[in-house]
Amino acid sequence: MSDVENNDVQNNAVGGMQGVTVSREYGSGGGEIAARLAKRLGWQLINHEIVSQVATALGVSEEEAEAYDEHVDSFVSRILYTLSALTPPVVAAMPSQLTTDSRAFDHARRTVVEGAIAAGHVVIVGRGAQVLLADRRDVLHVRMVAPLEQRIKYVMQREGLDRPSAQTRIHLKDRDRAQYLMSEHRQNPADAHLYDILVNTGVLDLDSVVDLLALALERKATRLSTPVEELGPGAGLPLYPEPPGNFNSTLAEG
């Protein structure tokens, strides 16, 4: 079967799924995995875009946008990276007066994420989307992690940095992203309960991870119409044939 035919079969299988959110430790390959997944699915990737083009759309200077982007995975960067991937109607719906005020940027970020999902079939990298879209069963939430040593090697290789610089960059990026999610959503990005699937890229190659995510997306699609009460690890399972080995009936009775 050709790649085109594989994509057609897979896209039919995912049916009403509207998107995938990708959270990642810096240097875990999450951005690259998201790009490959979007290409596999034929979906739109919403990640890093040309800052200057979107800065113009926001009415802020390129220097200002870059300054925000250099710090925390900031309000500006979230908007800049997502806006340019959206259709004109979504951009037109943005607030007319945007300043560097964090509330305005946060409102815009939320608008962008919600607009992207409304358009459908998108892979969103970061931007707090795993929290903003947490209640959407038609969105797959994933997180990429990897051992620090391997992340250092990844950043050294991809960004041409020496070891101390790569390690410092990883620390700052992870810290900024965590601080952002905590301050805006009172959530820790390392909380596994925010995701449908968490993958350690320390051993698995990136294409294998894409295979896993595509399968998870397909399987979650089959649960879209399942009643909430029939979801969960115990759905459809009978009682244990006998009490578990570590169950102490005396303690239970007390």
Protein backbone atom coordinates (compact mmCIF):
# COMPACT_ATOMS: atom_id res chain seq x y z
CA MET A 1 0.00 0.00 0.00
CA SER A 2 1.40 3.43 -0.92
CA ASP A 3 1.97 6.27 1.55
CA VAL A 4 -1.00 8.13 0.04
CA GLU A 5 -3.26 5.12 0.52
CA ASN A 6 -2.01 4.68 4.08
CA ASN A 7 -2.83 8.31 4.80
CA ASP A 8 -6.33 7.92 3.35
CA VAL A 9 -7.04 4.85 5.49
CA GLN A 10 -5.70 6.53 8.60
CA ASN A 11 -7.59 9.78 8.03
CA ASN A 12 -10.83 7.85 7.58
CA ALA A 13 -10.14 5.99 10.82
CA VAL A 14 -9.59 9.12 12.92
CA GLY A 15 -12.99 10.38 11.80
CA GLY A 16 -14.22 13.17 14.01
CA MET A 17 -10.97 13.81 15.87
CA GLN A 18 -10.22 17.51 15.65
CA GLY A 19 -6.66 17.81 16.86
CA VAL A 20 -3.59 16.71 18.75
CA THR A 21 -1.81 18.76 21.41
CA VAL A 22 1.89 18.10 21.90
CA SER A 23 3.57 19.07 25.15
CA ARG A 24 7.29 18.41 25.36
CA GLU A 25 10.39 18.65 27.42
CA TYR A 26 12.87 20.78 25.54
CA GLY A 27 15.17 18.60 23.48
CA SER A 28 12.91 15.53 23.57
CA GLY A 29 12.13 15.83 19.87
CA GLY A 30 8.54 16.88 20.48
CA GLY A 31 8.49 19.58 17.82
CA GLU A 32 9.94 17.27 15.20
CA ILE A 33 7.51 14.52 16.16
CA ALA A 34 4.59 16.94 15.86
CA ALA A 35 5.75 17.98 12.40
CA ARG A 36 6.06 14.38 11.25
CA LEU A 37 2.68 13.47 12.72
CA ALA A 38 1.00 16.39 10.98
CA LYS A 39 2.58 15.36 7.70
CA ARG A 40 1.52 11.73 8.21
CA LEU A 41 -2.08 12.75 8.88
CA GLY A 42 -2.21 15.51 6.30
CA TRP A 43 -3.16 17.91 9.10
CA GLN A 44 -2.04 21.46 9.77
CA LEU A 45 0.91 22.00 12.10
CA ILE A 46 0.68 24.96 14.45
CA ASN A 47 4.12 25.66 15.84
CA HIS A 48 7.00 28.03 15.09
CA GLU A 49 6.33 30.38 12.20
CA ILE A 50 7.96 33.54 10.87
CA VAL A 51 7.76 36.00 13.73
CA SER A 52 7.94 39.16 11.66
CA GLN A 53 4.91 38.28 9.52
CA VAL A 54 2.64 37.65 12.47
CA ALA A 55 4.04 40.57 14.45
CA THR A 56 2.73 42.78 11.65
CA ALA A 57 -0.71 41.16 11.95
CA LEU A 58 -0.69 41.88 15.71
CA GLY A 59 0.44 45.45 15.30
CA VAL A 60 3.63 44.97 17.34
CA SER A 61 7.20 45.41 16.22
CA GLU A 62 9.33 42.45 15.21
CA GLU A 63 11.85 43.43 17.87
CA GLU A 64 9.17 43.43 20.54
CA ALA A 65 7.89 40.05 19.45
CA GLU A 66 11.40 38.59 19.42
CA ALA A 67 12.08 40.00 22.86
CA TYR A 68 9.06 38.23 24.29
CA ASP A 69 9.93 35.09 22.38
CA GLU A 70 13.40 34.99 23.91
CA HIS A 71 12.02 34.80 27.40
CA VAL A 72 9.26 32.59 28.75
CA ASP A 73 7.38 30.54 26.17
CA SER A 74 5.41 33.74 26.30
CA PHE A 75 2.02 35.07 25.42
CA VAL A 76 3.46 36.69 22.34
CA SER A 77 5.22 33.58 21.09
CA ARG A 78 2.08 31.52 21.48
CA ILE A 79 0.15 33.95 19.35
CA LEU A 80 2.92 34.50 16.84
CA TYR A 81 3.51 30.83 16.27
CA THR A 82 -0.15 29.95 15.95
CA LEU A 83 -1.67 32.90 14.13
CA SER A 84 0.24 32.47 10.90
CA ALA A 85 -0.98 28.90 10.55
CA LEU A 86 -4.65 29.87 10.70
CA THR A 87 -7.06 30.92 8.02
CA PRO A 88 -7.84 34.65 7.55
CA PRO A 89 -11.29 34.45 9.21
CA VAL A 90 -9.68 33.33 12.47
CA VAL A 91 -7.09 36.09 12.36
CA ALA A 92 -9.79 38.64 11.62
CA ALA A 93 -11.58 37.62 14.79
CA MET A 94 -8.65 38.72 16.96
CA PRO A 95 -9.04 41.75 19.25
CA SER A 96 -8.39 44.98 17.34
CA GLN A 97 -6.20 46.53 20.01
CA LEU A 98 -3.41 44.25 21.19
CA THR A 99 -0.65 45.50 23.45
CA THR A 100 2.04 43.75 25.46
CA ASP A 101 -0.45 43.52 28.33
CA SER A 102 -0.44 39.88 29.38
CA ARG A 103 -4.23 39.66 29.63
CA ALA A 104 -4.68 40.76 26.05
CA PHE A 105 -2.11 38.28 24.81
CA ASP A 106 -3.58 35.49 26.90
CA HIS A 107 -7.04 36.22 25.52
CA ALA A 108 -5.60 36.16 22.02
CA ARG A 109 -3.82 32.87 22.66
CA ARG A 110 -7.03 31.28 23.85
CA THR A 111 -8.86 32.63 20.81
CA VAL A 112 -6.21 31.22 18.50
CA VAL A 113 -6.24 27.75 20.08
CA GLU A 114 -10.02 27.57 20.08
CA GLY A 115 -10.13 28.85 16.51
CA ALA A 116 -7.62 26.26 15.40
CA ILE A 117 -9.64 23.43 16.91
CA ALA A 118 -12.84 24.84 15.43
CA ALA A 119 -11.14 24.68 12.01
CA GLY A 120 -10.14 21.13 12.85
CA HIS A 121 -7.42 18.65 11.95
CA VAL A 122 -4.54 20.49 13.57
CA VAL A 123 -1.47 19.48 15.56
CA ILE A 124 -0.77 22.16 18.17
CA VAL A 125 2.64 22.32 19.83
CA GLY A 126 2.65 23.80 23.34
CA ARG A 127 0.75 27.03 24.01
CA GLY A 128 -1.11 25.50 26.98
CA ALA A 129 -3.44 23.72 24.56
CA GLN A 130 -3.49 20.55 26.65
CA VAL A 131 -5.23 22.53 29.40
CA LEU A 132 -7.39 24.79 27.24
CA LEU A 133 -8.75 21.75 25.39
CA ALA A 134 -8.72 19.30 28.28
CA ASP A 135 -12.47 18.67 28.10
CA ARG A 136 -12.46 17.87 24.38
CA ARG A 137 -12.67 14.14 23.78
CA ASP A 138 -12.04 14.78 20.10
CA VAL A 139 -8.50 15.98 20.87
CA LEU A 140 -5.57 13.69 21.67
CA HIS A 141 -3.21 15.08 24.30
CA VAL A 142 0.38 13.82 24.26
CA ARG A 143 3.64 14.66 26.02
CA MET A 144 7.21 13.91 24.95
CA VAL A 145 9.97 13.39 27.51
CA ALA A 146 13.53 12.07 27.41
CA PRO A 147 16.49 11.67 29.78
CA LEU A 148 18.40 14.91 30.31
CA GLU A 149 21.65 13.57 28.88
CA GLN A 150 19.97 12.62 25.63
CA ARG A 151 18.18 15.95 25.45
CA ILE A 152 21.50 17.73 25.84
CA LYS A 153 22.92 15.74 22.94
CA TYR A 154 19.84 16.50 20.83
CA VAL A 155 20.11 20.25 21.41
CA MET A 156 23.86 20.23 20.79
CA GLN A 157 23.30 18.44 17.49
CA ARG A 158 20.28 20.40 16.28
CA GLU A 159 21.32 23.87 17.44
CA GLY A 160 25.10 23.68 17.19
CA LEU A 161 25.64 24.51 20.86
CA ASP A 162 28.35 23.34 23.22
CA ARG A 163 27.34 21.19 26.16
CA PRO A 164 27.06 23.92 28.83
CA SER A 165 25.03 26.16 26.52
CA ALA A 166 22.71 23.30 25.55
CA GLN A 167 22.13 22.34 29.16
CA THR A 168 21.44 25.94 30.15
CA ARG A 169 18.98 26.36 27.27
CA ILE A 170 17.11 23.21 28.26
CA HIS A 171 16.88 24.36 31.86
CA LEU A 172 15.58 27.80 30.92
CA LYS A 173 13.05 26.54 28.37
CA ASP A 174 11.65 23.88 30.70
CA ARG A 175 11.48 26.35 33.58
CA ASP A 176 9.75 29.03 31.52
CA ARG A 177 7.16 26.64 30.12
CA ALA A 178 6.42 25.21 33.56
CA GLN A 179 6.13 28.68 35.11
CA TYR A 180 3.77 29.77 32.35
CA LEU A 181 1.40 26.84 32.76
CA MET A 182 1.47 27.18 36.54
CA SER A 183 0.81 30.92 36.50
CA GLU A 184 -1.92 30.88 33.87
CA HIS A 185 -3.63 27.56 34.52
CA ARG A 186 -2.42 26.34 37.92
CA GLN A 187 -1.22 23.17 36.22
CA ASN A 188 2.14 21.41 36.12
CA PRO A 189 3.07 20.31 32.58
CA ALA A 190 4.77 17.24 34.09
CA ASP A 191 1.42 16.02 35.47
CA ALA A 192 0.79 12.82 33.50
CA HIS A 193 -2.96 13.13 34.08
CA LEU A 194 -3.11 16.00 31.58
CA TYR A 195 -2.34 13.61 28.71
CA ASP A 196 -3.76 10.58 26.95
CA ILE A 197 -0.29 9.26 26.24
CA LEU A 198 3.20 10.10 27.45
CA VAL A 199 6.18 8.84 25.43
CA ASN A 200 9.83 8.66 26.46
CA THR A 201 11.96 9.22 23.36
CA GLY A 202 15.10 8.01 25.10
CA VAL A 203 14.98 4.71 23.23
CA LEU A 204 12.24 4.93 20.62
CA ASP A 205 13.14 6.61 17.34
CA LEU A 206 10.98 9.51 16.25
CA ASP A 207 9.17 7.68 13.46
CA SER A 208 8.21 4.90 15.88
CA VAL A 209 6.79 7.53 18.21
CA VAL A 210 4.76 8.94 15.32
CA ASP A 211 3.42 5.43 14.70
CA LEU A 212 2.34 5.18 18.35
CA LEU A 213 0.62 8.56 18.30
CA ALA A 214 -1.20 7.80 15.07
CA LEU A 215 -2.46 4.55 16.59
CA ALA A 216 -3.50 6.31 19.81
CA LEU A 217 -5.38 8.92 17.78
CA GLU A 218 -7.18 6.19 15.86
CA ARG A 219 -8.09 4.28 19.03
CA LYS A 220 -9.33 7.40 20.81
CA ALA A 221 -11.48 8.15 17.77
CA THR A 222 -13.32 4.86 18.33
CA ARG A 223 -14.35 6.09 21.81
CA LEU A 224 -15.93 9.37 20.74
CA SER A 225 -19.49 8.12 21.03
CA THR A 226 -18.93 5.90 24.08
CA PRO A 227 -20.93 7.08 27.13
CA VAL A 228 -18.74 8.56 29.88
CA GLU A 229 -19.81 5.89 32.35
CA GLU A 230 -18.45 3.22 30.04
CA LEU A 231 -14.98 4.74 29.86
CA GLY A 232 -11.99 3.99 32.09
CA PRO A 233 -9.81 0.99 32.94
CA GLY A 234 -12.67 -0.92 34.54
CA ALA A 235 -15.12 -0.58 31.65
CA GLY A 236 -16.55 -3.98 30.76
CA LEU A 237 -14.39 -5.89 33.20
CA PRO A 238 -15.94 -8.43 35.61
CA LEU A 239 -15.01 -8.75 39.28
CA TYR A 240 -11.73 -10.48 40.06
CA PRO A 241 -12.36 -14.23 40.31
CA GLU A 242 -10.81 -14.07 43.79
CA PRO A 243 -9.52 -11.26 46.04
CA PRO A 244 -6.16 -9.82 44.95
CA GLY A 245 -3.18 -11.33 46.73
CA ASN A 246 -2.38 -8.18 48.69
CA PHE A 247 -5.98 -7.67 49.87
CA ASN A 248 -6.24 -8.02 53.65
CA SER A 249 -9.86 -8.76 54.53
CA THR A 250 -9.18 -8.31 58.26
CA LEU A 251 -7.92 -4.76 57.74
CA ALA A 252 -10.82 -4.06 55.39
CA GLU A 253 -13.33 -5.17 58.01
CA GLY A 254 -11.65 -3.00 60.66
